[in-house]
Structure formats: structure tokens, C-alpha cells
């Protein structure tokens, strides 16, 4: 039975609207990892920070929301493990675990699962809820990334915030605003086609 017949059914994420197969799930997981790797290459260096602004976090949070907690988590694990194994798809073509920004990548794995779980509860259906979901996902990424950055570079709390948090606030707000429009609009479009 196709799940596409009821696009707004409670407990679904966008990926659930595709015919359910293991091939579909594998393709979605790999595609989410690739999308994140590609988005990470759109990087803007920040003076005084070893962490660039990228499209990576936006991709991670969209992948989690669209795929759900399980597939989103697996997708980011593929991204993390492949990058650790040498695939140059972390920010600015990096790979491995030596970068001081690697903690953010670990946080992305957790954030993807969390936003996926929230999306399954309908957090991707309205602009306000989607913005809140994106901001919570970003908070999870920071919760892991900032301590890792501090430890890797032996920075004080103030210097850590100045290098790894403050320069990214405006971008996080813009990413949340963009997500506010994208996913709820997709759900509305699917409702109209029903």
C-alpha cells in the first residue's frame, strides 16, 4: 500500500511519502550524506575562527527533518564515517578527525536524529514550529561542537564563543527562516494535490 495517499498523516515525514522499500531507504540515507557533503563545500571563512560558515548545518537539519530520526541518523553516520575514512567532504574539502571543527560534525549526527523525531511529530508542518526545530537542532550542534573546539584549541569559554558561536548566529537565523518556508510549503503543496 502506498503511503502517498495520505500525505499529511500524523507520524509521517516527507520520505515516508515515497513507496517503502529498503532500496528507497538506502538511497535516501546515501543521498542525505552526499547532500551534506556538497553543502559543506559552500564555505565562507570567518576571520579569527577556524570554523567557516557553510551550508552544511542547513543540509543536516533538512535531511533529518525530511528523512526522520532513523534515516537521518544513519545518513549523518555515513557522512561522519566516510569523512573520517578520508572522503574530503567536510567543510572546505577536509576529512579525518584532526580539525578543531570536528565536534560540530559529531553534533550534526545527534541533531539530525532529534529534528527527525520532532518532524515525525509534526514540527515540519508549520513555519513557527519549523523555525523552532531548526534552532533546537543548531543548539545540539553547538552543544557538542563548542566543547570540542575549546578542547582542541585550548580556548577559554569567552574565546570559544567568539570563535565558534557568535559569528554564526545571523546565519543560523537565516537558515531557520529559509526552513520555515521550505518544508511547511512542501507539506501544503502535497495537501493541495491530495
N, C-alpha and C. Protein backbone atom coordinates (compact mmCIF):
# COMPACT_ATOMS: atom_id res chain seq x y z
N UNK A 1 0.84 -1.18 0.00
CA UNK A 1 0.00 0.00 0.00
C UNK A 1 0.88 1.23 0.00
N UNK A 2 0.59 2.18 -0.84
CA UNK A 2 1.38 3.41 -0.93
C UNK A 2 0.98 4.38 0.16
N UNK A 3 1.99 5.00 0.78
CA UNK A 3 1.71 6.00 1.81
C UNK A 3 1.42 7.35 1.19
N UNK A 4 1.58 7.49 -0.13
CA UNK A 4 1.36 8.77 -0.78
C UNK A 4 -0.11 9.18 -0.78
N UNK A 5 -1.00 8.27 -0.48
CA UNK A 5 -2.43 8.60 -0.49
C UNK A 5 -2.82 9.54 0.63
N UNK A 6 -2.04 9.59 1.70
CA UNK A 6 -2.38 10.45 2.83
C UNK A 6 -1.16 11.24 3.27
N UNK A 7 -0.76 12.27 2.50
CA UNK A 7 0.48 12.96 2.77
C UNK A 7 0.56 13.65 4.12
N UNK A 8 -0.54 14.03 4.72
CA UNK A 8 -0.46 14.75 5.98
C UNK A 8 -0.75 13.87 7.19
N UNK A 9 -0.69 12.57 6.99
CA UNK A 9 -0.98 11.67 8.10
C UNK A 9 -0.01 11.90 9.25
N UNK A 10 -0.51 11.89 10.43
CA UNK A 10 0.31 12.09 11.61
C UNK A 10 1.38 11.00 11.71
N UNK A 11 2.56 11.39 12.13
CA UNK A 11 3.64 10.43 12.31
C UNK A 11 4.48 10.22 11.08
N UNK A 12 4.20 10.93 9.99
CA UNK A 12 4.98 10.79 8.77
C UNK A 12 5.96 11.93 8.60
N UNK A 13 7.05 11.63 7.92
CA UNK A 13 7.96 12.66 7.42
C UNK A 13 7.90 12.58 5.90
N UNK A 14 8.50 13.54 5.23
CA UNK A 14 8.39 13.59 3.78
C UNK A 14 8.86 12.30 3.11
N UNK A 15 9.93 11.70 3.60
CA UNK A 15 10.45 10.48 2.98
C UNK A 15 9.45 9.34 3.02
N UNK A 16 8.55 9.36 3.98
CA UNK A 16 7.56 8.30 4.10
C UNK A 16 6.53 8.32 2.96
N UNK A 17 6.50 9.41 2.21
CA UNK A 17 5.54 9.52 1.13
C UNK A 17 5.98 8.76 -0.12
N UNK A 18 7.23 8.35 -0.16
CA UNK A 18 7.74 7.54 -1.27
C UNK A 18 7.41 6.07 -0.99
N UNK A 19 7.22 5.28 -2.04
CA UNK A 19 6.94 3.85 -1.81
C UNK A 19 8.03 3.22 -0.94
N UNK A 20 7.62 2.50 0.07
CA UNK A 20 8.53 1.96 1.07
C UNK A 20 9.26 0.72 0.57
N UNK A 21 10.59 0.84 0.48
CA UNK A 21 11.45 -0.31 0.17
C UNK A 21 12.78 -0.07 0.87
N UNK A 22 13.53 -1.13 0.99
CA UNK A 22 14.89 -0.99 1.56
C UNK A 22 15.79 -0.21 0.62
N UNK A 23 15.57 -0.37 -0.67
CA UNK A 23 16.35 0.38 -1.66
C UNK A 23 16.09 1.87 -1.51
N UNK A 24 14.82 2.22 -1.32
CA UNK A 24 14.47 3.62 -1.10
C UNK A 24 15.20 4.17 0.12
N UNK A 25 15.15 3.43 1.22
CA UNK A 25 15.78 3.89 2.45
C UNK A 25 17.29 4.05 2.28
N UNK A 26 17.93 3.07 1.63
CA UNK A 26 19.38 3.16 1.40
C UNK A 26 19.71 4.35 0.51
N UNK A 27 18.92 4.56 -0.53
CA UNK A 27 19.16 5.69 -1.43
C UNK A 27 18.98 7.02 -0.70
N UNK A 28 17.97 7.11 0.15
CA UNK A 28 17.74 8.34 0.91
C UNK A 28 18.88 8.60 1.89
N UNK A 29 19.35 7.57 2.56
CA UNK A 29 20.45 7.72 3.52
C UNK A 29 21.71 8.21 2.82
N UNK A 30 22.06 7.57 1.72
CA UNK A 30 23.27 7.97 0.98
C UNK A 30 23.09 9.36 0.38
N UNK A 31 21.93 9.63 -0.16
CA UNK A 31 21.66 10.96 -0.75
C UNK A 31 21.77 12.06 0.29
N UNK A 32 21.27 11.81 1.49
CA UNK A 32 21.38 12.80 2.56
C UNK A 32 22.82 13.08 2.92
N UNK A 33 23.65 12.04 2.97
CA UNK A 33 25.07 12.22 3.26
C UNK A 33 25.75 13.01 2.15
N UNK A 34 25.44 12.68 0.91
CA UNK A 34 26.04 13.39 -0.23
C UNK A 34 25.60 14.85 -0.24
N UNK A 35 24.32 15.10 -0.03
CA UNK A 35 23.83 16.48 0.01
C UNK A 35 24.58 17.28 1.08
N UNK A 36 24.78 16.68 2.23
CA UNK A 36 25.50 17.36 3.31
C UNK A 36 26.95 17.63 2.91
N UNK A 37 27.58 16.65 2.28
CA UNK A 37 28.96 16.83 1.82
C UNK A 37 29.08 17.93 0.78
N UNK A 38 28.13 18.00 -0.13
CA UNK A 38 28.15 19.06 -1.15
C UNK A 38 27.90 20.42 -0.49
N UNK A 39 26.93 20.49 0.41
CA UNK A 39 26.62 21.76 1.08
C UNK A 39 27.80 22.25 1.92
N UNK A 40 28.60 21.33 2.44
CA UNK A 40 29.76 21.72 3.25
C UNK A 40 30.82 22.43 2.42
N UNK A 41 30.78 22.23 1.11
CA UNK A 41 31.79 22.87 0.26
C UNK A 41 31.48 24.34 -0.02
N UNK A 42 30.26 24.75 0.25
CA UNK A 42 29.91 26.16 0.15
C UNK A 42 30.31 26.81 1.47
N UNK A 43 31.56 27.22 1.54
CA UNK A 43 32.14 27.68 2.81
C UNK A 43 32.64 29.11 2.68
N UNK A 44 32.41 29.86 3.74
CA UNK A 44 32.88 31.24 3.83
C UNK A 44 33.73 31.34 5.09
N UNK A 45 35.05 31.51 4.93
CA UNK A 45 35.91 31.63 6.11
C UNK A 45 35.53 32.84 6.97
N UNK A 46 35.65 32.69 8.26
CA UNK A 46 35.36 33.75 9.22
C UNK A 46 36.69 34.19 9.84
N UNK A 47 37.07 35.45 9.70
CA UNK A 47 38.32 35.92 10.31
C UNK A 47 38.32 35.66 11.81
N UNK A 48 39.39 35.05 12.30
CA UNK A 48 39.53 34.77 13.72
C UNK A 48 38.88 33.48 14.17
N UNK A 49 38.34 32.72 13.23
CA UNK A 49 37.68 31.46 13.59
C UNK A 49 38.18 30.34 12.70
N UNK A 50 38.45 29.18 13.28
CA UNK A 50 38.83 28.03 12.45
C UNK A 50 37.61 27.33 11.83
N UNK A 51 36.43 27.85 12.11
CA UNK A 51 35.18 27.24 11.63
C UNK A 51 34.56 28.17 10.59
N UNK A 52 34.40 27.70 9.34
CA UNK A 52 33.76 28.55 8.33
C UNK A 52 32.24 28.46 8.41
N UNK A 53 31.58 29.43 7.83
CA UNK A 53 30.14 29.37 7.63
C UNK A 53 29.93 28.49 6.40
N UNK A 54 29.07 27.50 6.52
CA UNK A 54 28.80 26.60 5.39
C UNK A 54 27.30 26.35 5.25
N UNK A 55 26.95 25.66 4.20
CA UNK A 55 25.57 25.21 4.03
C UNK A 55 25.34 23.86 4.72
N UNK A 56 26.37 23.34 5.35
CA UNK A 56 26.36 22.02 5.96
C UNK A 56 25.27 21.87 7.02
N UNK A 57 25.19 22.80 7.96
CA UNK A 57 24.20 22.65 9.03
C UNK A 57 22.77 22.71 8.48
N UNK A 58 22.56 23.56 7.51
CA UNK A 58 21.23 23.65 6.90
C UNK A 58 20.86 22.31 6.27
N UNK A 59 21.81 21.72 5.53
CA UNK A 59 21.56 20.42 4.89
C UNK A 59 21.29 19.35 5.93
N UNK A 60 22.07 19.33 6.99
CA UNK A 60 21.90 18.32 8.05
C UNK A 60 20.50 18.40 8.64
N UNK A 61 20.06 19.59 8.95
CA UNK A 61 18.76 19.75 9.60
C UNK A 61 17.61 19.46 8.64
N UNK A 62 17.77 19.80 7.36
CA UNK A 62 16.75 19.45 6.38
C UNK A 62 16.71 17.95 6.15
N UNK A 63 17.87 17.32 6.08
CA UNK A 63 17.93 15.87 5.89
C UNK A 63 17.24 15.17 7.07
N UNK A 64 17.55 15.59 8.28
CA UNK A 64 16.91 14.99 9.45
C UNK A 64 15.41 15.16 9.42
N UNK A 65 14.96 16.37 9.09
CA UNK A 65 13.52 16.64 9.06
C UNK A 65 12.82 15.85 7.96
N UNK A 66 13.43 15.77 6.80
CA UNK A 66 12.79 15.09 5.67
C UNK A 66 12.84 13.57 5.79
N UNK A 67 13.92 13.04 6.37
CA UNK A 67 14.08 11.58 6.44
C UNK A 67 13.56 10.96 7.72
N UNK A 68 13.44 11.74 8.78
CA UNK A 68 13.04 11.20 10.07
C UNK A 68 14.26 10.81 10.88
N UNK A 69 14.03 10.48 12.13
CA UNK A 69 15.13 10.24 13.07
C UNK A 69 16.04 9.10 12.65
N UNK A 70 15.50 7.96 12.31
CA UNK A 70 16.33 6.80 12.00
C UNK A 70 17.16 6.97 10.75
N UNK A 71 16.49 7.32 9.65
CA UNK A 71 17.22 7.51 8.39
C UNK A 71 18.12 8.72 8.45
N UNK A 72 17.68 9.79 9.14
CA UNK A 72 18.52 10.98 9.29
C UNK A 72 19.80 10.65 10.05
N UNK A 73 19.66 9.92 11.14
CA UNK A 73 20.82 9.50 11.94
C UNK A 73 21.77 8.65 11.09
N UNK A 74 21.23 7.68 10.37
CA UNK A 74 22.07 6.83 9.52
C UNK A 74 22.78 7.64 8.44
N UNK A 75 22.07 8.59 7.86
CA UNK A 75 22.65 9.43 6.82
C UNK A 75 23.84 10.21 7.35
N UNK A 76 23.69 10.79 8.54
CA UNK A 76 24.80 11.56 9.11
C UNK A 76 25.91 10.66 9.62
N UNK A 77 25.59 9.44 10.01
CA UNK A 77 26.66 8.49 10.36
C UNK A 77 27.47 8.12 9.13
N UNK A 78 26.80 7.94 7.98
CA UNK A 78 27.53 7.69 6.73
C UNK A 78 28.43 8.87 6.43
N UNK A 79 27.90 10.08 6.56
CA UNK A 79 28.68 11.29 6.32
C UNK A 79 29.90 11.35 7.25
N UNK A 80 29.68 11.13 8.53
CA UNK A 80 30.75 11.17 9.53
C UNK A 80 31.80 10.10 9.26
N UNK A 81 31.37 8.86 9.12
CA UNK A 81 32.32 7.75 8.96
C UNK A 81 33.09 7.84 7.64
N UNK A 82 32.42 8.22 6.57
CA UNK A 82 33.12 8.37 5.29
C UNK A 82 34.14 9.51 5.37
N UNK A 83 33.77 10.60 6.03
CA UNK A 83 34.72 11.71 6.21
C UNK A 83 35.90 11.30 7.07
N UNK A 84 35.65 10.53 8.11
CA UNK A 84 36.73 10.03 8.95
C UNK A 84 37.66 9.10 8.16
N UNK A 85 37.09 8.37 7.20
CA UNK A 85 37.87 7.42 6.39
C UNK A 85 38.63 8.11 5.26
N UNK A 86 38.40 9.42 5.08
CA UNK A 86 39.18 10.14 4.08
C UNK A 86 38.41 10.79 2.95
N UNK A 87 37.08 10.60 2.88
CA UNK A 87 36.32 11.29 1.84
C UNK A 87 36.38 12.79 2.16
N UNK A 88 36.85 13.61 1.21
CA UNK A 88 37.05 15.04 1.50
C UNK A 88 35.77 15.87 1.38
N UNK A 89 34.80 15.56 2.23
CA UNK A 89 33.53 16.28 2.11
C UNK A 89 33.11 17.00 3.37
N UNK A 90 34.01 17.12 4.35
CA UNK A 90 33.74 18.03 5.46
C UNK A 90 33.98 19.45 4.93
N UNK A 91 33.72 20.45 5.74
CA UNK A 91 33.85 21.84 5.31
C UNK A 91 35.20 22.09 4.66
N UNK A 92 35.16 22.76 3.53
CA UNK A 92 36.34 23.15 2.77
C UNK A 92 37.17 21.96 2.30
N UNK A 93 36.52 20.84 2.02
CA UNK A 93 37.21 19.67 1.49
C UNK A 93 38.04 18.91 2.50
N UNK A 94 37.79 19.11 3.77
CA UNK A 94 38.55 18.43 4.82
C UNK A 94 38.01 17.02 5.04
N UNK A 95 38.81 16.21 5.70
CA UNK A 95 38.40 14.88 6.13
C UNK A 95 39.18 14.53 7.38
N UNK A 96 38.84 13.41 8.02
CA UNK A 96 39.54 12.99 9.23
C UNK A 96 38.97 13.62 10.47
N UNK A 97 39.67 13.43 11.58
CA UNK A 97 39.18 13.91 12.88
C UNK A 97 40.05 15.00 13.48
N UNK A 98 41.08 15.44 12.77
CA UNK A 98 42.03 16.38 13.34
C UNK A 98 41.53 17.82 13.40
N UNK A 99 40.56 18.18 12.58
CA UNK A 99 40.09 19.57 12.54
C UNK A 99 39.43 19.96 13.86
N UNK A 100 39.68 21.18 14.32
CA UNK A 100 39.04 21.63 15.57
C UNK A 100 37.52 21.73 15.44
N UNK A 101 37.02 21.74 14.21
CA UNK A 101 35.57 21.82 14.00
C UNK A 101 34.91 20.45 13.91
N UNK A 102 35.65 19.37 14.13
CA UNK A 102 35.09 18.02 14.02
C UNK A 102 33.95 17.79 15.02
N UNK A 103 33.99 18.45 16.15
CA UNK A 103 32.91 18.30 17.14
C UNK A 103 31.56 18.72 16.59
N UNK A 104 31.55 19.71 15.70
CA UNK A 104 30.29 20.12 15.08
C UNK A 104 29.72 18.99 14.24
N UNK A 105 30.59 18.24 13.56
CA UNK A 105 30.13 17.12 12.74
C UNK A 105 29.50 16.05 13.64
N UNK A 106 30.12 15.78 14.77
CA UNK A 106 29.54 14.83 15.72
C UNK A 106 28.17 15.33 16.18
N UNK A 107 28.08 16.61 16.49
CA UNK A 107 26.81 17.20 16.90
C UNK A 107 25.75 17.11 15.82
N UNK A 108 26.18 17.15 14.55
CA UNK A 108 25.23 17.05 13.45
C UNK A 108 24.54 15.69 13.41
N UNK A 109 25.26 14.66 13.79
CA UNK A 109 24.66 13.33 13.83
C UNK A 109 23.50 13.32 14.83
N UNK A 110 23.75 13.86 16.01
CA UNK A 110 22.71 13.91 17.05
C UNK A 110 21.56 14.84 16.66
N UNK A 111 21.92 16.00 16.09
CA UNK A 111 20.89 16.97 15.71
C UNK A 111 19.97 16.43 14.64
N UNK A 112 20.53 15.69 13.69
CA UNK A 112 19.71 15.13 12.62
C UNK A 112 18.65 14.18 13.19
N UNK A 113 19.06 13.35 14.13
CA UNK A 113 18.11 12.43 14.75
C UNK A 113 17.05 13.19 15.54
N UNK A 114 17.45 14.22 16.26
CA UNK A 114 16.50 14.97 17.06
C UNK A 114 15.47 15.69 16.18
N UNK A 115 15.93 16.40 15.15
CA UNK A 115 14.97 17.12 14.31
C UNK A 115 14.09 16.14 13.54
N UNK A 116 14.63 14.96 13.22
CA UNK A 116 13.82 13.94 12.57
C UNK A 116 12.70 13.45 13.47
N UNK A 117 13.02 13.27 14.74
CA UNK A 117 12.00 12.85 15.70
C UNK A 117 10.93 13.94 15.87
N UNK A 118 11.36 15.19 15.90
CA UNK A 118 10.40 16.30 16.01
C UNK A 118 9.55 16.41 14.75
N UNK A 119 10.16 16.21 13.58
CA UNK A 119 9.39 16.28 12.33
C UNK A 119 8.33 15.18 12.29
N UNK A 120 8.65 14.02 12.82
CA UNK A 120 7.69 12.93 12.84
C UNK A 120 6.48 13.30 13.72
N UNK A 121 6.69 14.24 14.62
CA UNK A 121 5.59 14.72 15.48
C UNK A 121 4.94 15.98 14.91
N UNK A 122 5.27 16.31 13.67
CA UNK A 122 4.63 17.44 13.01
C UNK A 122 5.36 18.76 13.09
N UNK A 123 6.59 18.78 13.56
CA UNK A 123 7.32 20.04 13.72
C UNK A 123 7.73 20.67 12.40
N UNK A 124 7.59 19.95 11.30
CA UNK A 124 7.94 20.49 9.99
C UNK A 124 6.73 20.97 9.22
N UNK A 125 5.57 21.02 9.87
CA UNK A 125 4.33 21.33 9.16
C UNK A 125 3.95 22.81 9.18
N UNK A 126 4.46 23.57 10.15
CA UNK A 126 4.13 25.00 10.21
C UNK A 126 5.42 25.81 10.28
N UNK A 127 5.41 27.03 9.77
CA UNK A 127 6.62 27.85 9.80
C UNK A 127 7.21 28.06 11.20
N UNK A 128 6.38 28.37 12.16
CA UNK A 128 6.90 28.65 13.51
C UNK A 128 7.52 27.40 14.13
N UNK A 129 6.86 26.27 14.00
CA UNK A 129 7.41 25.03 14.56
C UNK A 129 8.70 24.63 13.84
N UNK A 130 8.75 24.85 12.53
CA UNK A 130 9.96 24.51 11.78
C UNK A 130 11.12 25.39 12.21
N UNK A 131 10.87 26.67 12.42
CA UNK A 131 11.93 27.56 12.89
C UNK A 131 12.45 27.10 14.24
N UNK A 132 11.54 26.75 15.14
CA UNK A 132 11.95 26.26 16.45
C UNK A 132 12.75 24.97 16.35
N UNK A 133 12.34 24.09 15.45
CA UNK A 133 13.06 22.83 15.24
C UNK A 133 14.48 23.09 14.75
N UNK A 134 14.62 24.00 13.80
CA UNK A 134 15.95 24.34 13.27
C UNK A 134 16.83 24.94 14.37
N UNK A 135 16.27 25.80 15.18
CA UNK A 135 17.06 26.42 16.25
C UNK A 135 17.47 25.40 17.31
N UNK A 136 16.56 24.47 17.63
CA UNK A 136 16.92 23.40 18.57
C UNK A 136 18.01 22.50 17.99
N UNK A 137 17.90 22.18 16.71
CA UNK A 137 18.93 21.38 16.05
C UNK A 137 20.28 22.08 16.08
N UNK A 138 20.28 23.37 15.81
CA UNK A 138 21.52 24.14 15.87
C UNK A 138 22.10 24.14 17.28
N UNK A 139 21.23 24.23 18.28
CA UNK A 139 21.70 24.20 19.67
C UNK A 139 22.39 22.89 20.00
N UNK A 140 21.88 21.78 19.48
CA UNK A 140 22.52 20.47 19.70
C UNK A 140 23.90 20.46 19.05
N UNK A 141 24.00 20.99 17.85
CA UNK A 141 25.30 21.03 17.16
C UNK A 141 26.30 21.85 17.97
N UNK A 142 25.87 22.99 18.47
CA UNK A 142 26.76 23.83 19.30
C UNK A 142 27.12 23.13 20.61
N UNK A 143 26.18 22.41 21.18
CA UNK A 143 26.42 21.76 22.47
C UNK A 143 27.57 20.76 22.39
N UNK A 144 27.79 20.18 21.23
CA UNK A 144 28.91 19.26 21.04
C UNK A 144 30.11 19.98 20.42
N UNK A 145 29.85 20.82 19.44
CA UNK A 145 30.92 21.48 18.72
C UNK A 145 31.74 22.45 19.54
N UNK A 146 31.10 23.22 20.40
CA UNK A 146 31.84 24.22 21.18
C UNK A 146 32.80 23.60 22.19
N UNK A 147 32.40 22.62 22.98
CA UNK A 147 33.37 22.00 23.89
C UNK A 147 34.53 21.33 23.14
N UNK A 148 34.24 20.72 22.00
CA UNK A 148 35.30 20.09 21.20
C UNK A 148 36.27 21.15 20.70
N UNK A 149 35.75 22.26 20.20
CA UNK A 149 36.58 23.36 19.73
C UNK A 149 37.44 23.91 20.85
N UNK A 150 36.84 24.11 22.00
CA UNK A 150 37.57 24.62 23.16
C UNK A 150 38.71 23.70 23.56
N UNK A 151 38.43 22.41 23.59
CA UNK A 151 39.45 21.43 23.97
C UNK A 151 40.55 21.34 22.91
N UNK A 152 40.14 21.30 21.63
CA UNK A 152 41.11 21.13 20.53
C UNK A 152 42.08 22.29 20.44
N UNK A 153 41.61 23.50 20.75
CA UNK A 153 42.46 24.69 20.62
C UNK A 153 42.86 25.29 21.95
N UNK A 154 42.45 24.64 23.05
CA UNK A 154 42.74 25.13 24.40
C UNK A 154 42.30 26.59 24.56
N UNK A 155 41.03 26.83 24.29
CA UNK A 155 40.47 28.18 24.36
C UNK A 155 39.67 28.37 25.64
N UNK A 156 39.64 29.59 26.12
CA UNK A 156 38.77 29.93 27.24
C UNK A 156 37.32 29.91 26.75
N UNK A 157 36.39 29.94 27.67
CA UNK A 157 34.97 29.94 27.30
C UNK A 157 34.63 31.14 26.43
N UNK A 158 35.12 32.31 26.79
CA UNK A 158 34.84 33.51 26.01
C UNK A 158 35.41 33.45 24.60
N UNK A 159 36.63 32.97 24.48
CA UNK A 159 37.25 32.85 23.15
C UNK A 159 36.56 31.77 22.33
N UNK A 160 36.10 30.72 22.99
CA UNK A 160 35.38 29.67 22.28
C UNK A 160 34.09 30.22 21.69
N UNK A 161 33.34 30.97 22.48
CA UNK A 161 32.09 31.56 21.98
C UNK A 161 32.36 32.55 20.85
N UNK A 162 33.43 33.34 20.99
CA UNK A 162 33.77 34.32 19.97
C UNK A 162 34.20 33.66 18.66
N UNK A 163 34.84 32.51 18.74
CA UNK A 163 35.33 31.84 17.54
C UNK A 163 34.34 30.84 16.96
N UNK A 164 33.51 30.23 17.80
CA UNK A 164 32.69 29.13 17.33
C UNK A 164 31.20 29.30 17.47
N UNK A 165 30.74 30.46 17.95
CA UNK A 165 29.30 30.63 18.16
C UNK A 165 28.81 31.98 17.63
N UNK A 166 29.32 33.06 18.17
CA UNK A 166 28.84 34.40 17.85
C UNK A 166 28.83 34.71 16.36
N UNK A 167 29.89 34.38 15.60
CA UNK A 167 29.87 34.72 14.17
C UNK A 167 28.80 33.99 13.36
N UNK A 168 28.20 32.97 13.94
CA UNK A 168 27.28 32.13 13.19
C UNK A 168 25.81 32.38 13.50
N UNK A 169 25.54 33.27 14.47
CA UNK A 169 24.15 33.49 14.89
C UNK A 169 23.27 34.02 13.77
N UNK A 170 23.75 35.00 13.04
CA UNK A 170 22.94 35.55 11.95
C UNK A 170 22.65 34.48 10.90
N UNK A 171 23.65 33.70 10.55
CA UNK A 171 23.45 32.62 9.59
C UNK A 171 22.44 31.59 10.07
N UNK A 172 22.48 31.28 11.37
CA UNK A 172 21.53 30.33 11.93
C UNK A 172 20.10 30.85 11.84
N UNK A 173 19.94 32.13 12.09
CA UNK A 173 18.61 32.75 11.98
C UNK A 173 18.13 32.71 10.53
N UNK A 174 19.03 33.01 9.59
CA UNK A 174 18.65 32.97 8.17
C UNK A 174 18.31 31.55 7.72
N UNK A 175 19.07 30.56 8.19
CA UNK A 175 18.78 29.16 7.84
C UNK A 175 17.42 28.75 8.41
N UNK A 176 17.13 29.17 9.64
CA UNK A 176 15.83 28.85 10.24
C UNK A 176 14.70 29.50 9.45
N UNK A 177 14.92 30.74 9.02
CA UNK A 177 13.90 31.44 8.24
C UNK A 177 13.66 30.75 6.90
N UNK A 178 14.73 30.30 6.26
CA UNK A 178 14.59 29.58 4.99
C UNK A 178 13.83 28.27 5.20
N UNK A 179 14.18 27.54 6.23
CA UNK A 179 13.49 26.28 6.53
C UNK A 179 12.03 26.51 6.88
N UNK A 180 11.74 27.66 7.50
CA UNK A 180 10.35 28.00 7.83
C UNK A 180 9.48 28.00 6.59
N UNK A 181 10.09 28.41 5.48
CA UNK A 181 9.33 28.47 4.25
C UNK A 181 9.32 27.17 3.47
N UNK A 182 10.44 26.45 3.47
CA UNK A 182 10.59 25.30 2.59
C UNK A 182 9.71 24.11 2.99
N UNK A 183 9.95 23.52 4.14
CA UNK A 183 9.24 22.28 4.48
C UNK A 183 7.75 22.48 4.69
N UNK A 184 7.30 23.51 5.43
CA UNK A 184 5.85 23.70 5.53
C UNK A 184 5.20 23.93 4.16
N UNK A 185 5.90 24.60 3.24
CA UNK A 185 5.35 24.82 1.91
C UNK A 185 5.21 23.51 1.14
N UNK A 186 6.18 22.62 1.29
CA UNK A 186 6.10 21.31 0.64
C UNK A 186 4.88 20.55 1.16
N UNK A 187 4.69 20.56 2.49
CA UNK A 187 3.52 19.86 3.05
C UNK A 187 2.21 20.47 2.54
N UNK A 188 2.15 21.80 2.46
CA UNK A 188 0.93 22.46 1.97
C UNK A 188 0.66 22.08 0.51
N UNK A 189 1.72 22.04 -0.30
CA UNK A 189 1.59 21.65 -1.69
C UNK A 189 1.07 20.22 -1.80
N UNK A 190 1.59 19.34 -0.97
CA UNK A 190 1.13 17.95 -1.00
C UNK A 190 -0.33 17.84 -0.56
N UNK A 191 -0.73 18.67 0.38
CA UNK A 191 -2.13 18.65 0.83
C UNK A 191 -3.06 19.09 -0.30
N UNK A 192 -2.64 20.07 -1.07
CA UNK A 192 -3.48 20.56 -2.18
C UNK A 192 -3.62 19.52 -3.26
N UNK A 193 -2.58 18.71 -3.47
CA UNK A 193 -2.62 17.70 -4.52
C UNK A 193 -3.42 16.48 -4.11
N UNK A 194 -3.77 16.39 -2.88
CA UNK A 194 -4.49 15.23 -2.36
C UNK A 194 -5.86 15.07 -2.91
